[in-house]
Amino acid sequence: MGAIAEARPTAVFVTHVAEEALQVADRLAVLKAGRLLQ
């Protein structure tokens, strides 16, 4: 996240770990079976 903050591209970060998602995200998308839940 420090390196991404320096380069400042748009980032899409895939994870199945909730703690990671909550820590890295400016926006968070929760998915299930190919559909967007929220």
PDB file of all heavy atoms in Angstrom:
ATOM      1  N   MET A   1       0.821  -1.203   0.000  1.00  0.00           N
ATOM      2  CA  MET A   1       0.000   0.000   0.000  1.00  0.00           C
ATOM      3  C   MET A   1       0.857   1.256   0.000  1.00  0.00           C
ATOM      4  O   MET A   1       0.470   2.281  -0.567  1.00  0.00           O
ATOM      5  CB  MET A   1      -0.958  -0.017   1.189  1.00  0.00           C
ATOM      6  CG  MET A   1      -1.918  -1.211   1.190  1.00  0.00           C
ATOM      7  SD  MET A   1      -2.621  -1.613  -0.444  1.00  0.00           S
ATOM      8  CE  MET A   1      -3.581  -0.131  -0.793  1.00  0.00           C
ATOM      9  N   GLY A   2       2.053   1.180   0.625  1.00  0.00           N
ATOM     10  CA  GLY A   2       2.962   2.319   0.562  1.00  0.00           C
ATOM     11  C   GLY A   2       3.449   2.567  -0.851  1.00  0.00           C
ATOM     12  O   GLY A   2       3.523   3.710  -1.315  1.00  0.00           O
ATOM     13  N   ALA A   3       3.788   1.488  -1.565  1.00  0.00           N
ATOM     14  CA  ALA A   3       4.265   1.621  -2.943  1.00  0.00           C
ATOM     15  C   ALA A   3       3.151   2.129  -3.860  1.00  0.00           C
ATOM     16  O   ALA A   3       3.387   2.970  -4.733  1.00  0.00           O
ATOM     17  CB  ALA A   3       4.798   0.282  -3.445  1.00  0.00           C
ATOM     18  N   ILE A   4       1.932   1.626  -3.668  1.00  0.00           N
ATOM     19  CA  ILE A   4       0.802   2.083  -4.483  1.00  0.00           C
ATOM     20  C   ILE A   4       0.508   3.559  -4.202  1.00  0.00           C
ATOM     21  O   ILE A   4       0.210   4.337  -5.112  1.00  0.00           O
ATOM     22  CB  ILE A   4      -0.431   1.205  -4.231  1.00  0.00           C
ATOM     23  CG1 ILE A   4      -0.212  -0.188  -4.852  1.00  0.00           C
ATOM     24  CG2 ILE A   4      -1.692   1.846  -4.785  1.00  0.00           C
ATOM     25  CD1 ILE A   4      -1.309  -1.173  -4.557  1.00  0.00           C
ATOM     26  N   ALA A   5       0.623   3.960  -2.931  1.00  0.00           N
ATOM     27  CA  ALA A   5       0.393   5.367  -2.585  1.00  0.00           C
ATOM     28  C   ALA A   5       1.416   6.268  -3.266  1.00  0.00           C
ATOM     29  O   ALA A   5       1.100   7.407  -3.642  1.00  0.00           O
ATOM     30  CB  ALA A   5       0.447   5.544  -1.076  1.00  0.00           C
ATOM     31  N   GLU A   6       2.660   5.780  -3.430  1.00  0.00           N
ATOM     32  CA  GLU A   6       3.679   6.583  -4.108  1.00  0.00           C
ATOM     33  C   GLU A   6       3.393   6.692  -5.596  1.00  0.00           C
ATOM     34  O   GLU A   6       3.486   7.768  -6.186  1.00  0.00           O
ATOM     35  CB  GLU A   6       5.062   5.974  -3.889  1.00  0.00           C
ATOM     36  CG  GLU A   6       6.162   6.737  -4.617  1.00  0.00           C
ATOM     37  CD  GLU A   6       7.553   6.253  -4.269  1.00  0.00           C
ATOM     38  OE1 GLU A   6       7.740   5.728  -3.160  1.00  0.00           O
ATOM     39  OE2 GLU A   6       8.455   6.396  -5.113  1.00  0.00           O
ATOM     40  N   ALA A   7       3.051   5.577  -6.236  1.00  0.00           N
ATOM     41  CA  ALA A   7       2.810   5.591  -7.687  1.00  0.00           C
ATOM     42  C   ALA A   7       1.449   6.172  -8.041  1.00  0.00           C
ATOM     43  O   ALA A   7       1.273   6.758  -9.106  1.00  0.00           O
ATOM     44  CB  ALA A   7       2.928   4.177  -8.244  1.00  0.00           C
ATOM     45  N   ARG A   8       0.456   5.959  -7.175  1.00  0.00           N
ATOM     46  CA  ARG A   8      -0.897   6.491  -7.296  1.00  0.00           C
ATOM     47  C   ARG A   8      -1.632   6.087  -8.567  1.00  0.00           C
ATOM     48  O   ARG A   8      -2.301   6.907  -9.203  1.00  0.00           O
ATOM     49  CB  ARG A   8      -0.903   8.010  -7.133  1.00  0.00           C
ATOM     50  CG  ARG A   8      -0.316   8.470  -5.805  1.00  0.00           C
ATOM     51  CD  ARG A   8      -0.530   9.928  -5.557  1.00  0.00           C
ATOM     52  NE  ARG A   8      -1.915  10.190  -5.184  1.00  0.00           N
ATOM     53  CZ  ARG A   8      -2.383  11.421  -4.912  1.00  0.00           C
ATOM     54  NH1 ARG A   8      -1.607  12.471  -5.014  1.00  0.00           N
ATOM     55  NH2 ARG A   8      -3.646  11.586  -4.570  1.00  0.00           N
ATOM     56  N   PRO A   9      -1.527   4.825  -8.977  1.00  0.00           N
ATOM     57  CA  PRO A   9      -2.428   4.362 -10.036  1.00  0.00           C
ATOM     58  C   PRO A   9      -3.786   4.037  -9.426  1.00  0.00           C
ATOM     59  O   PRO A   9      -3.945   3.993  -8.201  1.00  0.00           O
ATOM     60  CB  PRO A   9      -1.744   3.082 -10.520  1.00  0.00           C
ATOM     61  CG  PRO A   9      -1.149   2.534  -9.254  1.00  0.00           C
ATOM     62  CD  PRO A   9      -0.698   3.742  -8.450  1.00  0.00           C
ATOM     63  N   THR A  10      -4.762   3.793 -10.256  1.00  0.00           N
ATOM     64  CA  THR A  10      -5.999   3.168  -9.799  1.00  0.00           C
ATOM     65  C   THR A  10      -5.681   1.707  -9.520  1.00  0.00           C
ATOM     66  O   THR A  10      -4.965   1.064 -10.277  1.00  0.00           O
ATOM     67  CB  THR A  10      -7.081   3.292 -10.871  1.00  0.00           C
ATOM     68  OG1 THR A  10      -7.262   4.681 -11.164  1.00  0.00           O
ATOM     69  CG2 THR A  10      -8.394   2.684 -10.419  1.00  0.00           C
ATOM     70  N   ALA A  11      -6.184   1.166  -8.419  1.00  0.00           N
ATOM     71  CA  ALA A  11      -5.852  -0.205  -8.035  1.00  0.00           C
ATOM     72  C   ALA A  11      -7.114  -1.018  -7.810  1.00  0.00           C
ATOM     73  O   ALA A  11      -8.093  -0.517  -7.243  1.00  0.00           O
ATOM     74  CB  ALA A  11      -4.991  -0.222  -6.769  1.00  0.00           C
ATOM     75  N   VAL A  12      -7.078  -2.265  -8.282  1.00  0.00           N
ATOM     76  CA  VAL A  12      -8.143  -3.231  -7.998  1.00  0.00           C
ATOM     77  C   VAL A  12      -7.478  -4.407  -7.293  1.00  0.00           C
ATOM     78  O   VAL A  12      -6.604  -5.066  -7.849  1.00  0.00           O
ATOM     79  CB  VAL A  12      -8.864  -3.692  -9.269  1.00  0.00           C
ATOM     80  CG1 VAL A  12     -10.007  -4.643  -8.914  1.00  0.00           C
ATOM     81  CG2 VAL A  12      -9.402  -2.491 -10.052  1.00  0.00           C
ATOM     82  N   PHE A  13      -7.888  -4.652  -6.057  1.00  0.00           N
ATOM     83  CA  PHE A  13      -7.232  -5.599  -5.160  1.00  0.00           C
ATOM     84  C   PHE A  13      -8.208  -6.728  -4.838  1.00  0.00           C
ATOM     85  O   PHE A  13      -9.264  -6.496  -4.247  1.00  0.00           O
ATOM     86  CB  PHE A  13      -6.825  -4.860  -3.881  1.00  0.00           C
ATOM     87  CG  PHE A  13      -5.994  -5.637  -2.906  1.00  0.00           C
ATOM     88  CD1 PHE A  13      -4.649  -5.364  -2.753  1.00  0.00           C
ATOM     89  CD2 PHE A  13      -6.559  -6.628  -2.106  1.00  0.00           C
ATOM     90  CE1 PHE A  13      -3.870  -6.060  -1.830  1.00  0.00           C
ATOM     91  CE2 PHE A  13      -5.793  -7.332  -1.192  1.00  0.00           C
ATOM     92  CZ  PHE A  13      -4.444  -7.048  -1.052  1.00  0.00           C
ATOM     93  N   VAL A  14      -7.861  -7.935  -5.250  1.00  0.00           N
ATOM     94  CA  VAL A  14      -8.715  -9.103  -5.021  1.00  0.00           C
ATOM     95  C   VAL A  14      -8.244  -9.856  -3.786  1.00  0.00           C
ATOM     96  O   VAL A  14      -7.052 -10.115  -3.616  1.00  0.00           O
ATOM     97  CB  VAL A  14      -8.690 -10.032  -6.252  1.00  0.00           C
ATOM     98  CG1 VAL A  14      -9.089 -11.455  -5.881  1.00  0.00           C
ATOM     99  CG2 VAL A  14      -9.606  -9.507  -7.339  1.00  0.00           C
ATOM    100  N   THR A  15      -9.189 -10.223  -2.912  1.00  0.00           N
ATOM    101  CA  THR A  15      -8.854 -11.000  -1.726  1.00  0.00           C
ATOM    102  C   THR A  15     -10.088 -11.757  -1.243  1.00  0.00           C
ATOM    103  O   THR A  15     -11.223 -11.387  -1.546  1.00  0.00           O
ATOM    104  CB  THR A  15      -8.321 -10.100  -0.593  1.00  0.00           C
ATOM    105  OG1 THR A  15      -7.964 -10.895   0.545  1.00  0.00           O
ATOM    106  CG2 THR A  15      -9.358  -9.066  -0.166  1.00  0.00           C
ATOM    107  N   HIS A  16      -9.848 -12.840  -0.496  1.00  0.00           N
ATOM    108  CA  HIS A  16     -10.962 -13.504   0.191  1.00  0.00           C
ATOM    109  C   HIS A  16     -10.876 -13.255   1.690  1.00  0.00           C
ATOM    110  O   HIS A  16     -11.644 -13.833   2.463  1.00  0.00           O
ATOM    111  CB  HIS A  16     -10.946 -15.014  -0.100  1.00  0.00           C
ATOM    112  CG  HIS A  16      -9.753 -15.718   0.460  1.00  0.00           C
ATOM    113  ND1 HIS A  16      -8.554 -15.805  -0.199  1.00  0.00           N
ATOM    114  CD2 HIS A  16      -9.579 -16.373   1.634  1.00  0.00           C
ATOM    115  CE1 HIS A  16      -7.689 -16.474   0.537  1.00  0.00           C
ATOM    116  NE2 HIS A  16      -8.290 -16.825   1.656  1.00  0.00           N
ATOM    117  N   VAL A  17      -9.945 -12.402   2.119  1.00  0.00           N
ATOM    118  CA  VAL A  17      -9.716 -12.114   3.540  1.00  0.00           C
ATOM    119  C   VAL A  17     -10.343 -10.763   3.869  1.00  0.00           C
ATOM    120  O   VAL A  17      -9.903  -9.717   3.369  1.00  0.00           O
ATOM    121  CB  VAL A  17      -8.210 -12.098   3.866  1.00  0.00           C
ATOM    122  CG1 VAL A  17      -7.986 -11.789   5.340  1.00  0.00           C
ATOM    123  CG2 VAL A  17      -7.574 -13.436   3.495  1.00  0.00           C
ATOM    124  N   ALA A  18     -11.356 -10.774   4.724  1.00  0.00           N
ATOM    125  CA  ALA A  18     -12.095  -9.549   5.037  1.00  0.00           C
ATOM    126  C   ALA A  18     -11.190  -8.480   5.632  1.00  0.00           C
ATOM    127  O   ALA A  18     -11.300  -7.293   5.281  1.00  0.00           O
ATOM    128  CB  ALA A  18     -13.241  -9.863   5.995  1.00  0.00           C
ATOM    129  N   GLU A  19     -10.309  -8.865   6.523  1.00  0.00           N
ATOM    130  CA  GLU A  19      -9.435  -7.887   7.173  1.00  0.00           C
ATOM    131  C   GLU A  19      -8.584  -7.145   6.145  1.00  0.00           C
ATOM    132  O   GLU A  19      -8.409  -5.930   6.227  1.00  0.00           O
ATOM    133  CB  GLU A  19      -8.543  -8.584   8.197  1.00  0.00           C
ATOM    134  CG  GLU A  19      -7.668  -7.634   8.995  1.00  0.00           C
ATOM    135  CD  GLU A  19      -6.825  -8.351  10.035  1.00  0.00           C
ATOM    136  OE1 GLU A  19      -6.920  -9.595  10.124  1.00  0.00           O
ATOM    137  OE2 GLU A  19      -6.075  -7.667  10.750  1.00  0.00           O
ATOM    138  N   GLU A  20      -8.051  -7.871   5.152  1.00  0.00           N
ATOM    139  CA  GLU A  20      -7.268  -7.230   4.097  1.00  0.00           C
ATOM    140  C   GLU A  20      -8.116  -6.244   3.312  1.00  0.00           C
ATOM    141  O   GLU A  20      -7.695  -5.111   3.054  1.00  0.00           O
ATOM    142  CB  GLU A  20      -6.702  -8.278   3.145  1.00  0.00           C
ATOM    143  CG  GLU A  20      -5.476  -8.983   3.648  1.00  0.00           C
ATOM    144  CD  GLU A  20      -4.913  -9.954   2.613  1.00  0.00           C
ATOM    145  OE1 GLU A  20      -5.458 -10.046   1.490  1.00  0.00           O
ATOM    146  OE2 GLU A  20      -3.924 -10.616   2.949  1.00  0.00           O
ATOM    147  N   ALA A  21      -9.300  -6.690   2.921  1.00  0.00           N
ATOM    148  CA  ALA A  21     -10.169  -5.833   2.119  1.00  0.00           C
ATOM    149  C   ALA A  21     -10.501  -4.541   2.860  1.00  0.00           C
ATOM    150  O   ALA A  21     -10.463  -3.443   2.283  1.00  0.00           O
ATOM    151  CB  ALA A  21     -11.445  -6.576   1.751  1.00  0.00           C
ATOM    152  N   LEU A  22     -10.818  -4.647   4.136  1.00  0.00           N
ATOM    153  CA  LEU A  22     -11.179  -3.474   4.916  1.00  0.00           C
ATOM    154  C   LEU A  22      -9.994  -2.526   5.085  1.00  0.00           C
ATOM    155  O   LEU A  22     -10.164  -1.302   5.134  1.00  0.00           O
ATOM    156  CB  LEU A  22     -11.715  -3.897   6.288  1.00  0.00           C
ATOM    157  CG  LEU A  22     -13.074  -4.605   6.272  1.00  0.00           C
ATOM    158  CD1 LEU A  22     -13.350  -5.269   7.611  1.00  0.00           C
ATOM    159  CD2 LEU A  22     -14.194  -3.617   5.920  1.00  0.00           C
ATOM    160  N   GLN A  23      -8.787  -3.085   5.174  1.00  0.00           N
ATOM    161  CA  GLN A  23      -7.602  -2.257   5.368  1.00  0.00           C
ATOM    162  C   GLN A  23      -7.190  -1.507   4.110  1.00  0.00           C
ATOM    163  O   GLN A  23      -6.749  -0.362   4.180  1.00  0.00           O
ATOM    164  CB  GLN A  23      -6.430  -3.113   5.851  1.00  0.00           C
ATOM    165  CG  GLN A  23      -6.536  -3.541   7.304  1.00  0.00           C
ATOM    166  CD  GLN A  23      -5.342  -4.373   7.729  1.00  0.00           C
ATOM    167  OE1 GLN A  23      -4.737  -5.080   6.928  1.00  0.00           O
ATOM    168  NE2 GLN A  23      -4.993  -4.291   8.996  1.00  0.00           N
ATOM    169  N   VAL A  24      -7.301  -2.140   2.941  1.00  0.00           N
ATOM    170  CA  VAL A  24      -6.732  -1.534   1.734  1.00  0.00           C
ATOM    171  C   VAL A  24      -7.719  -0.661   0.977  1.00  0.00           C
ATOM    172  O   VAL A  24      -7.307   0.218   0.214  1.00  0.00           O
ATOM    173  CB  VAL A  24      -6.180  -2.610   0.770  1.00  0.00           C
ATOM    174  CG1 VAL A  24      -5.209  -3.525   1.479  1.00  0.00           C
ATOM    175  CG2 VAL A  24      -7.298  -3.420   0.105  1.00  0.00           C
ATOM    176  N   ALA A  25      -9.012  -0.872   1.157  1.00  0.00           N
ATOM    177  CA  ALA A  25      -9.994  -0.333   0.207  1.00  0.00           C
ATOM    178  C   ALA A  25     -10.362   1.120   0.485  1.00  0.00           C
ATOM    179  O   ALA A  25     -10.558   1.533   1.631  1.00  0.00           O
ATOM    180  CB  ALA A  25     -11.254  -1.185   0.234  1.00  0.00           C
ATOM    181  N   ASP A  26     -10.481   1.895  -0.595  1.00  0.00           N
ATOM    182  CA  ASP A  26     -11.247   3.138  -0.568  1.00  0.00           C
ATOM    183  C   ASP A  26     -12.707   2.824  -0.889  1.00  0.00           C
ATOM    184  O   ASP A  26     -13.617   3.431  -0.328  1.00  0.00           O
ATOM    185  CB  ASP A  26     -10.694   4.127  -1.596  1.00  0.00           C
ATOM    186  CG  ASP A  26      -9.273   4.548  -1.279  1.00  0.00           C
ATOM    187  OD1 ASP A  26      -9.053   5.106  -0.194  1.00  0.00           O
ATOM    188  OD2 ASP A  26      -8.386   4.309  -2.120  1.00  0.00           O
ATOM    189  N   ARG A  27     -12.907   1.859  -1.811  1.00  0.00           N
ATOM    190  CA  ARG A  27     -14.230   1.323  -2.120  1.00  0.00           C
ATOM    191  C   ARG A  27     -14.149  -0.184  -1.992  1.00  0.00           C
ATOM    192  O   ARG A  27     -13.130  -0.791  -2.330  1.00  0.00           O
ATOM    193  CB  ARG A  27     -14.671   1.694  -3.539  1.00  0.00           C
ATOM    194  CG  ARG A  27     -14.778   3.177  -3.775  1.00  0.00           C
ATOM    195  CD  ARG A  27     -15.935   3.798  -3.034  1.00  0.00           C
ATOM    196  NE  ARG A  27     -17.238   3.287  -3.471  1.00  0.00           N
ATOM    197  CZ  ARG A  27     -18.387   3.645  -2.873  1.00  0.00           C
ATOM    198  NH1 ARG A  27     -18.392   4.453  -1.837  1.00  0.00           N
ATOM    199  NH2 ARG A  27     -19.528   3.164  -3.318  1.00  0.00           N
ATOM    200  N   LEU A  28     -15.210  -0.791  -1.511  1.00  0.00           N
ATOM    201  CA  LEU A  28     -15.241  -2.227  -1.261  1.00  0.00           C
ATOM    202  C   LEU A  28     -16.436  -2.837  -1.969  1.00  0.00           C
ATOM    203  O   LEU A  28     -17.572  -2.351  -1.837  1.00  0.00           O
ATOM    204  CB  LEU A  28     -15.340  -2.490   0.250  1.00  0.00           C
ATOM    205  CG  LEU A  28     -15.526  -3.930   0.713  1.00  0.00           C
ATOM    206  CD1 LEU A  28     -14.337  -4.787   0.299  1.00  0.00           C
ATOM    207  CD2 LEU A  28     -15.704  -3.975   2.227  1.00  0.00           C
ATOM    208  N   ALA A  29     -16.184  -3.896  -2.744  1.00  0.00           N
ATOM    209  CA  ALA A  29     -17.259  -4.617  -3.431  1.00  0.00           C
ATOM    210  C   ALA A  29     -17.285  -6.047  -2.911  1.00  0.00           C
ATOM    211  O   ALA A  29     -16.267  -6.747  -2.956  1.00  0.00           O
ATOM    212  CB  ALA A  29     -17.042  -4.612  -4.940  1.00  0.00           C
ATOM    213  N   VAL A  30     -18.426  -6.470  -2.409  1.00  0.00           N
ATOM    214  CA  VAL A  30     -18.597  -7.833  -1.905  1.00  0.00           C
ATOM    215  C   VAL A  30     -19.317  -8.643  -2.982  1.00  0.00           C
ATOM    216  O   VAL A  30     -20.394  -8.251  -3.451  1.00  0.00           O
ATOM    217  CB  VAL A  30     -19.400  -7.851  -0.590  1.00  0.00           C
ATOM    218  CG1 VAL A  30     -19.530  -9.278  -0.067  1.00  0.00           C
ATOM    219  CG2 VAL A  30     -18.715  -6.971   0.461  1.00  0.00           C
ATOM    220  N   LEU A  31     -18.723  -9.774  -3.372  1.00  0.00           N
ATOM    221  CA  LEU A  31     -19.224 -10.587  -4.472  1.00  0.00           C
ATOM    222  C   LEU A  31     -19.610 -11.973  -3.986  1.00  0.00           C
ATOM    223  O   LEU A  31     -19.054 -12.497  -3.015  1.00  0.00           O
ATOM    224  CB  LEU A  31     -18.151 -10.727  -5.560  1.00  0.00           C
ATOM    225  CG  LEU A  31     -17.499  -9.449  -6.086  1.00  0.00           C
ATOM    226  CD1 LEU A  31     -16.382  -9.790  -7.051  1.00  0.00           C
ATOM    227  CD2 LEU A  31     -18.532  -8.558  -6.751  1.00  0.00           C
ATOM    228  N   LYS A  32     -20.555 -12.582  -4.706  1.00  0.00           N
ATOM    229  CA  LYS A  32     -20.934 -13.969  -4.445  1.00  0.00           C
ATOM    230  C   LYS A  32     -21.500 -14.553  -5.734  1.00  0.00           C
ATOM    231  O   LYS A  32     -22.396 -13.961  -6.341  1.00  0.00           O
ATOM    232  CB  LYS A  32     -21.978 -14.063  -3.325  1.00  0.00           C
ATOM    233  CG  LYS A  32     -22.363 -15.497  -2.969  1.00  0.00           C
ATOM    234  CD  LYS A  32     -23.364 -15.539  -1.814  1.00  0.00           C
ATOM    235  CE  LYS A  32     -23.737 -16.981  -1.469  1.00  0.00           C
ATOM    236  NZ  LYS A  32     -24.726 -17.036  -0.357  1.00  0.00           N
ATOM    237  N   ALA A  33     -20.962 -15.691  -6.140  1.00  0.00           N
ATOM    238  CA  ALA A  33     -21.468 -16.428  -7.305  1.00  0.00           C
ATOM    239  C   ALA A  33     -21.616 -15.542  -8.539  1.00  0.00           C
ATOM    240  O   ALA A  33     -22.611 -15.613  -9.264  1.00  0.00           O
ATOM    241  CB  ALA A  33     -22.795 -17.097  -6.970  1.00  0.00           C
ATOM    242  N   GLY A  34     -20.617 -14.686  -8.774  1.00  0.00           N
ATOM    243  CA  GLY A  34     -20.614 -13.866  -9.969  1.00  0.00           C
ATOM    244  C   GLY A  34     -21.468 -12.627  -9.921  1.00  0.00           C
ATOM    245  O   GLY A  34     -21.589 -11.916 -10.920  1.00  0.00           O
ATOM    246  N   ARG A  35     -22.061 -12.348  -8.774  1.00  0.00           N
ATOM    247  CA  ARG A  35     -22.931 -11.176  -8.645  1.00  0.00           C
ATOM    248  C   ARG A  35     -22.401 -10.227  -7.572  1.00  0.00           C
ATOM    249  O   ARG A  35     -21.784 -10.649  -6.605  1.00  0.00           O
ATOM    250  CB  ARG A  35     -24.364 -11.598  -8.297  1.00  0.00           C
ATOM    251  CG  ARG A  35     -25.057 -12.334  -9.439  1.00  0.00           C
ATOM    252  CD  ARG A  35     -26.529 -12.532  -9.140  1.00  0.00           C
ATOM    253  NE  ARG A  35     -27.244 -13.139 -10.255  1.00  0.00           N
ATOM    254  CZ  ARG A  35     -27.729 -12.467 -11.284  1.00  0.00           C
ATOM    255  NH1 ARG A  35     -27.574 -11.154 -11.342  1.00  0.00           N
ATOM    256  NH2 ARG A  35     -28.362 -13.093 -12.254  1.00  0.00           N
ATOM    257  N   LEU A  36     -22.671  -8.947  -7.771  1.00  0.00           N
ATOM    258  CA  LEU A  36     -22.314  -7.927  -6.793  1.00  0.00           C
ATOM    259  C   LEU A  36     -23.392  -7.861  -5.718  1.00  0.00           C
ATOM    260  O   LEU A  36     -24.560  -7.618  -6.027  1.00  0.00           O
ATOM    261  CB  LEU A  36     -22.183  -6.570  -7.497  1.00  0.00           C
ATOM    262  CG  LEU A  36     -21.930  -5.368  -6.591  1.00  0.00           C
ATOM    263  CD1 LEU A  36     -20.577  -5.483  -5.897  1.00  0.00           C
ATOM    264  CD2 LEU A  36     -22.018  -4.078  -7.396  1.00  0.00           C
ATOM    265  N   LEU A  37     -22.991  -8.072  -4.467  1.00  0.00           N
ATOM    266  CA  LEU A  37     -23.939  -7.964  -3.358  1.00  0.00           C
ATOM    267  C   LEU A  37     -24.042  -6.531  -2.841  1.00  0.00           C
ATOM    268  O   LEU A  37     -25.123  -6.041  -2.557  1.00  0.00           O
ATOM    269  CB  LEU A  37     -23.526  -8.885  -2.210  1.00  0.00           C
ATOM    270  CG  LEU A  37     -23.461 -10.382  -2.522  1.00  0.00           C
ATOM    271  CD1 LEU A  37     -23.102 -11.165  -1.261  1.00  0.00           C
ATOM    272  CD2 LEU A  37     -24.786 -10.882  -3.092  1.00  0.00           C
ATOM    273  N   GLN A  38     -22.875  -5.871  -2.695  1.00  0.00           N
ATOM    274  CA  GLN A  38     -22.884  -4.500  -2.202  1.00  0.00           C
ATOM    275  C   GLN A  38     -21.567  -3.837  -2.566  1.00  0.00           C
ATOM    276  O   GLN A  38     -20.502  -4.460  -2.497  1.00  0.00           O
ATOM    277  CB  GLN A  38     -23.078  -4.459  -0.679  1.00  0.00           C
ATOM    278  CG  GLN A  38     -23.228  -3.039  -0.112  1.00  0.00           C
ATOM    279  CD  GLN A  38     -23.648  -3.036   1.359  1.00  0.00           C
ATOM    280  OE1 GLN A  38     -23.880  -4.085   1.951  1.00  0.00           O
ATOM    281  NE2 GLN A  38     -23.755  -1.860   1.939  1.00  0.00           N
TER     282      GLN A  38
END
